Structures are given as C-alpha cells and as structure tokens.
C-alpha atoms as a PDB file:
ATOM      1  CA  MET A   1      30.829  20.297  -2.556  1.00  0.00           C
ATOM      2  CA  LEU A   2      30.643  16.991  -0.731  1.00  0.00           C
ATOM      3  CA  TYR A   3      33.048  14.180  -1.398  1.00  0.00           C
ATOM      4  CA  TYR A   4      31.680  10.810  -2.484  1.00  0.00           C
ATOM      5  CA  ASN A   5      31.791   9.295   1.027  1.00  0.00           C
ATOM      6  CA  GLU A   6      30.154  12.351   2.599  1.00  0.00           C
ATOM      7  CA  GLN A   7      27.388  12.286  -0.004  1.00  0.00           C
ATOM      8  CA  TRP A   8      26.747   8.606   0.702  1.00  0.00           C
ATOM      9  CA  TYR A   9      26.462   9.275   4.444  1.00  0.00           C
ATOM     10  CA  ALA A  10      24.183  12.255   3.837  1.00  0.00           C
ATOM     11  CA  ASN A  11      21.888  10.149   1.624  1.00  0.00           C
ATOM     12  CA  LYS A  12      21.877   7.329   4.190  1.00  0.00           C
ATOM     13  CA  PHE A  13      21.032   9.782   6.997  1.00  0.00           C
ATOM     14  CA  PHE A  14      18.079  11.282   5.117  1.00  0.00           C
ATOM     15  CA  SER A  15      16.864   7.805   4.172  1.00  0.00           C
ATOM     16  CA  ILE A  16      16.818   6.778   7.842  1.00  0.00           C
ATOM     17  CA  ILE A  17      15.039   9.992   8.873  1.00  0.00           C
ATOM     18  CA  GLN A  18      12.434   9.471   6.151  1.00  0.00           C
ATOM     19  CA  LYS A  19      11.752   5.908   7.356  1.00  0.00           C
ATOM     20  CA  LEU A  20      11.410   7.076  10.955  1.00  0.00           C
ATOM     21  CA  PHE A  21       8.773   9.630  10.017  1.00  0.00           C
ATOM     22  CA  PHE A  22       6.768   7.244   7.840  1.00  0.00           C
ATOM     23  CA  MET A  23       4.696   5.976  10.736  1.00  0.00           C
ATOM     24  CA  ILE A  24       1.540   4.136   9.722  1.00  0.00           C
ATOM     25  CA  ILE A  25      -1.385   5.304  11.796  1.00  0.00           C
ATOM     26  CA  LYS A  26      -4.279   3.615  10.029  1.00  0.00           C
ATOM     27  CA  TYR A  27      -5.052   0.606   7.863  1.00  0.00           C
ATOM     28  CA  SER A  28      -8.090   0.638   5.615  1.00  0.00           C
ATOM     29  CA  VAL A  29      -9.915  -2.231   3.903  1.00  0.00           C
ATOM     30  CA  GLY A  30     -12.477  -1.686   1.176  1.00  0.00           C
ATOM     31  CA  LEU A  31     -14.812  -4.141  -0.512  1.00  0.00           C
ATOM     32  CA  ASP A  32     -17.074  -3.162  -3.399  1.00  0.00           C
ATOM     33  CA  VAL A  33     -19.599  -5.695  -4.699  1.00  0.00           C
ATOM     34  CA  SER A  34     -21.576  -4.831  -7.808  1.00  0.00           C
ATOM     35  CA  ALA A  35     -23.607  -6.880 -10.261  1.00  0.00           C
ATOM     36  CA  ALA A  36     -20.599  -7.128 -12.594  1.00  0.00           C
ATOM     37  CA  ASP A  37     -17.603  -7.575 -10.298  1.00  0.00           C
ATOM     38  CA  ILE A  38     -16.085  -7.763  -6.799  1.00  0.00           C
ATOM     39  CA  LYS A  39     -13.263  -5.369  -5.889  1.00  0.00           C
ATOM     40  CA  ALA A  40     -11.077  -5.378  -2.773  1.00  0.00           C
ATOM     41  CA  CYS A  41      -8.432  -2.908  -1.625  1.00  0.00           C
ATOM     42  CA  ILE A  42      -6.095  -2.602   1.368  1.00  0.00           C
ATOM     43  CA  SER A  43      -4.352   0.728   1.990  1.00  0.00           C
ATOM     44  CA  VAL A  44      -2.340   2.450   4.717  1.00  0.00           C
ATOM     45  CA  ILE A  45      -2.412   6.052   5.871  1.00  0.00           C
ATOM     46  CA  ASP A  46       0.749   7.564   7.368  1.00  0.00           C
ATOM     47  CA  ILE A  47       1.182  10.351   9.906  1.00  0.00           C
ATOM     48  CA  GLU A  48       1.051  12.992   7.148  1.00  0.00           C
ATOM     49  CA  GLN A  49      -2.275  11.574   5.841  1.00  0.00           C
ATOM     50  CA  ARG A  50      -0.689  10.136   2.690  1.00  0.00           C
ATOM     51  CA  VAL A  51      -2.550   7.095   1.363  1.00  0.00           C
ATOM     52  CA  LYS A  52      -0.628   4.190  -0.165  1.00  0.00           C
ATOM     53  CA  VAL A  53      -2.490   1.250  -1.716  1.00  0.00           C
ATOM     54  CA  GLN A  54      -0.901  -2.030  -0.612  1.00  0.00           C
ATOM     55  CA  PHE A  55      -3.217  -4.495  -2.355  1.00  0.00           C
ATOM     56  CA  SER A  56      -5.970  -4.301  -4.955  1.00  0.00           C
ATOM     57  CA  LYS A  57      -7.840  -7.097  -6.717  1.00  0.00           C
ATOM     58  CA  THR A  58     -10.879  -7.435  -9.009  1.00  0.00           C
ATOM     59  CA  HIS A  59     -12.860 -10.557  -9.950  1.00  0.00           C
ATOM     60  CA  SER A  60     -16.085 -11.084 -11.871  1.00  0.00           C
ATOM     61  CA  ASN A  61     -19.233 -11.481  -9.807  1.00  0.00           C
ATOM     62  CA  THR A  62     -19.955 -15.061 -10.803  1.00  0.00           C
ATOM     63  CA  LYS A  63     -19.703 -18.285  -8.830  1.00  0.00           C
ATOM     64  CA  LYS A  64     -16.267 -19.028 -10.312  1.00  0.00           C
ATOM     65  CA  GLY A  65     -15.090 -15.425  -9.802  1.00  0.00           C
ATOM     66  CA  PHE A  66     -16.273 -15.458  -6.177  1.00  0.00           C
ATOM     67  CA  TRP A  67     -14.330 -18.645  -5.351  1.00  0.00           C
ATOM     68  CA  ASN A  68     -11.242 -17.336  -7.149  1.00  0.00           C
ATOM     69  CA  PHE A  69     -11.552 -14.201  -5.021  1.00  0.00           C
ATOM     70  CA  ILE A  70     -11.864 -16.221  -1.764  1.00  0.00           C
ATOM     71  CA  ILE A  71      -8.962 -18.528  -2.660  1.00  0.00           C
ATOM     72  CA  GLY A  72      -6.814 -15.564  -3.685  1.00  0.00           C
ATOM     73  CA  LEU A  73      -7.085 -13.867  -0.302  1.00  0.00           C
END
C-alpha cells in the first residue's frame, strides 16, 4: 500500500506521461451547409487516432444566421 505522498507522486507521474503521449497529429475543420442551417466543427486527432471535438456551432441558414455565424468565428 502506498502512503499518501507516494500516491500523489505516482498520480502526478502518470498524468505527465499521459500528457506526453497525447500528441496531436491532425486538425480537422468541417463545414456543412444545408437549406435549413449552417454547421461548423473543429476537431483534433491524436497519435492513437482518438478524435476530440474542440468547437462546434450551428446557425440557421438565413441572412441573419449567416452574419451571426461569421461574427461568431
């Protein structure tokens, strides 16, 4: 059984190792325009091919929705 201090150091060590191996190898940007709405998404893919969505937004496909989308970028 580990003492409190040893457990803290073990957790810190594994946290650092996990951050070192989370290397981003690819960024992806998606834009979907339909008659009803406009959707945008930004995601990253790490070295183990895990996908994590960083940003996602949807607006209506009207003049007001389009300008809100542009201003919101």
